[in-house]
Amino acid sequence: MSVVADTLQSNKELVRQLVERGFNQGDLDVVDEIVDPGVVTHNPFILDAPTGPESVRGGIAMIRRSFPDLHADMLDLIAEGDRVAVFLQLRGTNEGDYRRGAATRREGSFRAFFIWRVANGRLVENWGVADRFALLQQLGIIPSDDDLADRMPSPGAPG
């Protein structure tokens, strides 16, 4: 393997460890091992998560409190240059407060996509999006698409 290929594999392994150990096993020590203390999080995974260096650890801790059986499947993992992109399918049972609401005891799943920047063998910056809307609908926190459509006035109906 070339030096570039080795670096790309090492970078992918950092993200794989964060998903497997952090999200799936709840091992927050992995954050100290592979995430830079000054990590910059542009789009927090959990909206109420802490900012700054605690953003990754705090986000994982918060989602695992809400979904203790959380499991993330990596649907895709791609590395290019100093970036690693990961596409995830997450699922779990809502057993703890989530989005300022009490536990629903419902199962939910959603997809998320993150890009991580790697420097000096550590995760230093990330951007991401998660389909929180779908999860909130599954948990019954917000109405389903069908419920929302039923509330809409009929076309041509008096307003």
C-alpha atoms as a PDB file:
ATOM      1  CA  MET A   1       0.000   0.000   0.000  1.00  0.00           C
ATOM      2  CA  SER A   2       1.086   3.543  -0.628  1.00  0.00           C
ATOM      3  CA  VAL A   3       1.525   6.173   2.059  1.00  0.00           C
ATOM      4  CA  VAL A   4      -1.624   7.942   0.818  1.00  0.00           C
ATOM      5  CA  ALA A   5      -3.682   4.726   0.949  1.00  0.00           C
ATOM      6  CA  ASP A   6      -2.357   3.999   4.460  1.00  0.00           C
ATOM      7  CA  THR A   7      -3.322   7.501   5.596  1.00  0.00           C
ATOM      8  CA  LEU A   8      -6.805   7.194   4.118  1.00  0.00           C
ATOM      9  CA  GLN A   9      -7.300   3.831   5.843  1.00  0.00           C
ATOM     10  CA  SER A  10      -6.061   5.275   9.159  1.00  0.00           C
ATOM     11  CA  ASN A  11      -8.419   8.228   8.817  1.00  0.00           C
ATOM     12  CA  LYS A  12     -11.367   5.914   8.096  1.00  0.00           C
ATOM     13  CA  GLU A  13     -10.426   3.816  11.119  1.00  0.00           C
ATOM     14  CA  LEU A  14     -10.758   6.878  13.384  1.00  0.00           C
ATOM     15  CA  VAL A  15     -14.358   7.409  12.286  1.00  0.00           C
ATOM     16  CA  ARG A  16     -15.084   3.682  12.476  1.00  0.00           C
ATOM     17  CA  GLN A  17     -13.845   3.651  16.092  1.00  0.00           C
ATOM     18  CA  LEU A  18     -15.994   6.650  16.984  1.00  0.00           C
ATOM     19  CA  VAL A  19     -19.089   4.930  15.593  1.00  0.00           C
ATOM     20  CA  GLU A  20     -18.387   1.448  16.980  1.00  0.00           C
ATOM     21  CA  ARG A  21     -16.973   2.318  20.381  1.00  0.00           C
ATOM     22  CA  GLY A  22     -18.658   5.665  21.001  1.00  0.00           C
ATOM     23  CA  PHE A  23     -22.142   5.407  19.513  1.00  0.00           C
ATOM     24  CA  ASN A  24     -22.641   1.634  19.625  1.00  0.00           C
ATOM     25  CA  GLN A  25     -20.860   0.708  22.855  1.00  0.00           C
ATOM     26  CA  GLY A  26     -21.147   3.985  24.762  1.00  0.00           C
ATOM     27  CA  ASP A  27     -17.378   4.017  25.381  1.00  0.00           C
ATOM     28  CA  LEU A  28     -16.734   7.747  25.787  1.00  0.00           C
ATOM     29  CA  ASP A  29     -13.016   7.145  26.386  1.00  0.00           C
ATOM     30  CA  VAL A  30     -12.720   6.827  22.608  1.00  0.00           C
ATOM     31  CA  VAL A  31     -13.462  10.557  22.351  1.00  0.00           C
ATOM     32  CA  ASP A  32     -10.391  11.393  24.458  1.00  0.00           C
ATOM     33  CA  GLU A  33      -8.290   9.003  22.378  1.00  0.00           C
ATOM     34  CA  ILE A  34      -9.192  10.118  18.852  1.00  0.00           C
ATOM     35  CA  VAL A  35     -10.961  13.498  18.958  1.00  0.00           C
ATOM     36  CA  ASP A  36      -8.870  16.654  19.235  1.00  0.00           C
ATOM     37  CA  PRO A  37      -9.620  18.606  22.447  1.00  0.00           C
ATOM     38  CA  GLY A  38     -10.249  21.698  20.305  1.00  0.00           C
ATOM     39  CA  VAL A  39     -12.626  19.953  17.880  1.00  0.00           C
ATOM     40  CA  VAL A  40     -14.896  22.271  15.918  1.00  0.00           C
ATOM     41  CA  THR A  41     -18.449  20.982  15.472  1.00  0.00           C
ATOM     42  CA  HIS A  42     -20.377  22.931  12.852  1.00  0.00           C
ATOM     43  CA  ASN A  43     -23.659  21.024  13.100  1.00  0.00           C
ATOM     44  CA  PRO A  44     -24.147  19.253  16.419  1.00  0.00           C
ATOM     45  CA  PHE A  45     -25.528  15.722  16.217  1.00  0.00           C
ATOM     46  CA  ILE A  46     -27.816  16.514  19.133  1.00  0.00           C
ATOM     47  CA  LEU A  47     -29.263  20.017  19.031  1.00  0.00           C
ATOM     48  CA  ASP A  48     -28.949  20.583  22.782  1.00  0.00           C
ATOM     49  CA  ALA A  49     -25.439  19.115  23.034  1.00  0.00           C
ATOM     50  CA  PRO A  50     -22.619  21.180  24.496  1.00  0.00           C
ATOM     51  CA  THR A  51     -20.468  23.201  22.133  1.00  0.00           C
ATOM     52  CA  GLY A  52     -16.709  23.312  21.725  1.00  0.00           C
ATOM     53  CA  PRO A  53     -14.484  20.453  22.807  1.00  0.00           C
ATOM     54  CA  GLU A  54     -17.305  18.752  24.731  1.00  0.00           C
ATOM     55  CA  SER A  55     -19.569  18.663  21.650  1.00  0.00           C
ATOM     56  CA  VAL A  56     -18.684  15.130  20.539  1.00  0.00           C
ATOM     57  CA  ARG A  57     -18.562  13.517  23.992  1.00  0.00           C
ATOM     58  CA  GLY A  58     -21.664  15.415  25.131  1.00  0.00           C
ATOM     59  CA  GLY A  59     -23.605  14.582  21.973  1.00  0.00           C
ATOM     60  CA  ILE A  60     -22.881  10.866  22.248  1.00  0.00           C
ATOM     61  CA  ALA A  61     -23.684  10.849  25.978  1.00  0.00           C
ATOM     62  CA  MET A  62     -26.983  12.662  25.414  1.00  0.00           C
ATOM     63  CA  ILE A  63     -28.190  10.398  22.598  1.00  0.00           C
ATOM     64  CA  ARG A  64     -27.233   7.263  24.534  1.00  0.00           C
ATOM     65  CA  ARG A  65     -29.144   8.510  27.611  1.00  0.00           C
ATOM     66  CA  SER A  66     -32.199   8.973  25.398  1.00  0.00           C
ATOM     67  CA  PHE A  67     -31.640   5.728  23.449  1.00  0.00           C
ATOM     68  CA  PRO A  68     -29.619   3.310  25.643  1.00  0.00           C
ATOM     69  CA  ASP A  69     -29.822   0.566  22.998  1.00  0.00           C
ATOM     70  CA  LEU A  70     -28.641   2.915  20.238  1.00  0.00           C
ATOM     71  CA  HIS A  71     -26.998   1.192  17.304  1.00  0.00           C
ATOM     72  CA  ALA A  72     -25.444   2.877  14.271  1.00  0.00           C
ATOM     73  CA  ASP A  73     -24.862   0.944  11.071  1.00  0.00           C
ATOM     74  CA  MET A  74     -22.299   2.411   8.708  1.00  0.00           C
ATOM     75  CA  LEU A  75     -23.916   2.390   5.286  1.00  0.00           C
ATOM     76  CA  ASP A  76     -20.913   4.032   3.650  1.00  0.00           C
ATOM     77  CA  LEU A  77     -17.466   5.246   4.698  1.00  0.00           C
ATOM     78  CA  ILE A  78     -15.328   7.196   2.216  1.00  0.00           C
ATOM     79  CA  ALA A  79     -12.000   8.981   2.659  1.00  0.00           C
ATOM     80  CA  GLU A  80     -10.413  11.603   0.419  1.00  0.00           C
ATOM     81  CA  GLY A  81      -7.550  13.889   1.397  1.00  0.00           C
ATOM     82  CA  ASP A  82      -7.994  14.888   5.031  1.00  0.00           C
ATOM     83  CA  ARG A  83     -11.779  14.213   5.040  1.00  0.00           C
ATOM     84  CA  VAL A  84     -13.801  11.152   5.940  1.00  0.00           C
ATOM     85  CA  ALA A  85     -17.494  10.938   5.053  1.00  0.00           C
ATOM     86  CA  VAL A  86     -19.760   8.502   6.858  1.00  0.00           C
ATOM     87  CA  PHE A  87     -23.398   7.713   6.111  1.00  0.00           C
ATOM     88  CA  LEU A  88     -25.186   6.125   9.068  1.00  0.00           C
ATOM     89  CA  GLN A  89     -28.485   4.441   9.861  1.00  0.00           C
ATOM     90  CA  LEU A  90     -29.164   4.837  13.594  1.00  0.00           C
ATOM     91  CA  ARG A  91     -31.883   3.125  15.584  1.00  0.00           C
ATOM     92  CA  GLY A  92     -32.905   2.711  19.170  1.00  0.00           C
ATOM     93  CA  THR A  93     -35.687   2.763  21.742  1.00  0.00           C
ATOM     94  CA  ASN A  94     -36.471   6.110  23.368  1.00  0.00           C
ATOM     95  CA  GLU A  95     -36.075   5.291  27.071  1.00  0.00           C
ATOM     96  CA  GLY A  96     -34.919   8.727  28.287  1.00  0.00           C
ATOM     97  CA  ASP A  97     -35.831  12.378  27.768  1.00  0.00           C
ATOM     98  CA  TYR A  98     -35.301  13.531  24.197  1.00  0.00           C
ATOM     99  CA  ARG A  99     -35.758  17.013  22.747  1.00  0.00           C
ATOM    100  CA  ARG A 100     -37.099  18.311  26.043  1.00  0.00           C
ATOM    101  CA  GLY A 101     -39.790  15.631  26.152  1.00  0.00           C
ATOM    102  CA  ALA A 102     -40.264  12.570  28.310  1.00  0.00           C
ATOM    103  CA  ALA A 103     -39.358   9.108  27.063  1.00  0.00           C
ATOM    104  CA  THR A 104     -41.869   7.750  24.563  1.00  0.00           C
ATOM    105  CA  ARG A 105     -40.745   4.103  24.865  1.00  0.00           C
ATOM    106  CA  ARG A 106     -41.037   3.936  21.068  1.00  0.00           C
ATOM    107  CA  GLU A 107     -38.437   2.658  18.654  1.00  0.00           C
ATOM    108  CA  GLY A 108     -37.106   5.018  16.040  1.00  0.00           C
ATOM    109  CA  SER A 109     -34.541   5.110  13.297  1.00  0.00           C
ATOM    110  CA  PHE A 110     -32.993   7.822  11.194  1.00  0.00           C
ATOM    111  CA  ARG A 111     -30.144   8.464   8.814  1.00  0.00           C
ATOM    112  CA  ALA A 112     -27.259  10.827   9.365  1.00  0.00           C
ATOM    113  CA  PHE A 113     -24.344  11.967   7.232  1.00  0.00           C
ATOM    114  CA  PHE A 114     -21.113  13.416   8.626  1.00  0.00           C
ATOM    115  CA  ILE A 115     -17.871  14.693   7.196  1.00  0.00           C
ATOM    116  CA  TRP A 116     -14.875  14.670   9.536  1.00  0.00           C
ATOM    117  CA  ARG A 117     -11.591  16.486   8.973  1.00  0.00           C
ATOM    118  CA  VAL A 118      -8.525  14.678  10.278  1.00  0.00           C
ATOM    119  CA  ALA A 119      -5.224  16.280  11.312  1.00  0.00           C
ATOM    120  CA  ASN A 120      -2.280  14.721  13.113  1.00  0.00           C
ATOM    121  CA  GLY A 121      -4.139  11.434  13.595  1.00  0.00           C
ATOM    122  CA  ARG A 122      -7.143  13.001  15.362  1.00  0.00           C
ATOM    123  CA  LEU A 123     -10.651  14.110  14.419  1.00  0.00           C
ATOM    124  CA  VAL A 124     -10.492  17.916  14.466  1.00  0.00           C
ATOM    125  CA  GLU A 125     -13.606  19.220  12.706  1.00  0.00           C
ATOM    126  CA  ASN A 126     -16.997  17.941  11.590  1.00  0.00           C
ATOM    127  CA  TRP A 127     -20.089  18.862   9.623  1.00  0.00           C
ATOM    128  CA  GLY A 128     -23.251  16.820   9.588  1.00  0.00           C
ATOM    129  CA  VAL A 129     -26.939  16.449   9.000  1.00  0.00           C
ATOM    130  CA  ALA A 130     -29.383  14.052  10.612  1.00  0.00           C
ATOM    131  CA  ASP A 131     -32.987  13.334   9.706  1.00  0.00           C
ATOM    132  CA  ARG A 132     -34.312  14.410  13.100  1.00  0.00           C
ATOM    133  CA  PHE A 133     -37.716  15.156  11.574  1.00  0.00           C
ATOM    134  CA  ALA A 134     -38.261  11.465  10.713  1.00  0.00           C
ATOM    135  CA  LEU A 135     -37.167  10.409  14.195  1.00  0.00           C
ATOM    136  CA  LEU A 136     -39.458  12.924  15.915  1.00  0.00           C
ATOM    137  CA  GLN A 137     -42.364  11.646  13.814  1.00  0.00           C
ATOM    138  CA  GLN A 138     -41.626   8.016  14.696  1.00  0.00           C
ATOM    139  CA  LEU A 139     -41.491   8.904  18.381  1.00  0.00           C
ATOM    140  CA  GLY A 140     -44.862  10.668  18.137  1.00  0.00           C
ATOM    141  CA  ILE A 141     -43.362  14.006  19.176  1.00  0.00           C
ATOM    142  CA  ILE A 142     -44.520  15.650  15.949  1.00  0.00           C
ATOM    143  CA  PRO A 143     -47.294  14.524  13.575  1.00  0.00           C
ATOM    144  CA  SER A 144     -46.628  12.172  10.692  1.00  0.00           C
ATOM    145  CA  ASP A 145     -46.688  13.422   7.100  1.00  0.00           C
ATOM    146  CA  ASP A 146     -50.162  11.877   6.691  1.00  0.00           C
ATOM    147  CA  ASP A 147     -51.454  13.626   9.831  1.00  0.00           C
ATOM    148  CA  LEU A 148     -50.049  16.920   8.598  1.00  0.00           C
ATOM    149  CA  ALA A 149     -51.650  16.418   5.173  1.00  0.00           C
ATOM    150  CA  ASP A 150     -55.035  15.652   6.799  1.00  0.00           C
ATOM    151  CA  ARG A 151     -54.860  19.031   8.578  1.00  0.00           C
ATOM    152  CA  MET A 152     -54.316  20.954   5.357  1.00  0.00           C
ATOM    153  CA  PRO A 153     -57.339  22.677   3.821  1.00  0.00           C
ATOM    154  CA  SER A 154     -58.672  21.031   0.694  1.00  0.00           C
ATOM    155  CA  PRO A 155     -57.687  22.720  -2.556  1.00  0.00           C
ATOM    156  CA  GLY A 156     -60.301  25.338  -3.406  1.00  0.00           C
ATOM    157  CA  ALA A 157     -61.815  25.230   0.089  1.00  0.00           C
ATOM    158  CA  PRO A 158     -62.661  28.607   1.611  1.00  0.00           C
ATOM    159  CA  GLY A 159     -59.767  29.821   3.692  1.00  0.00           C
END
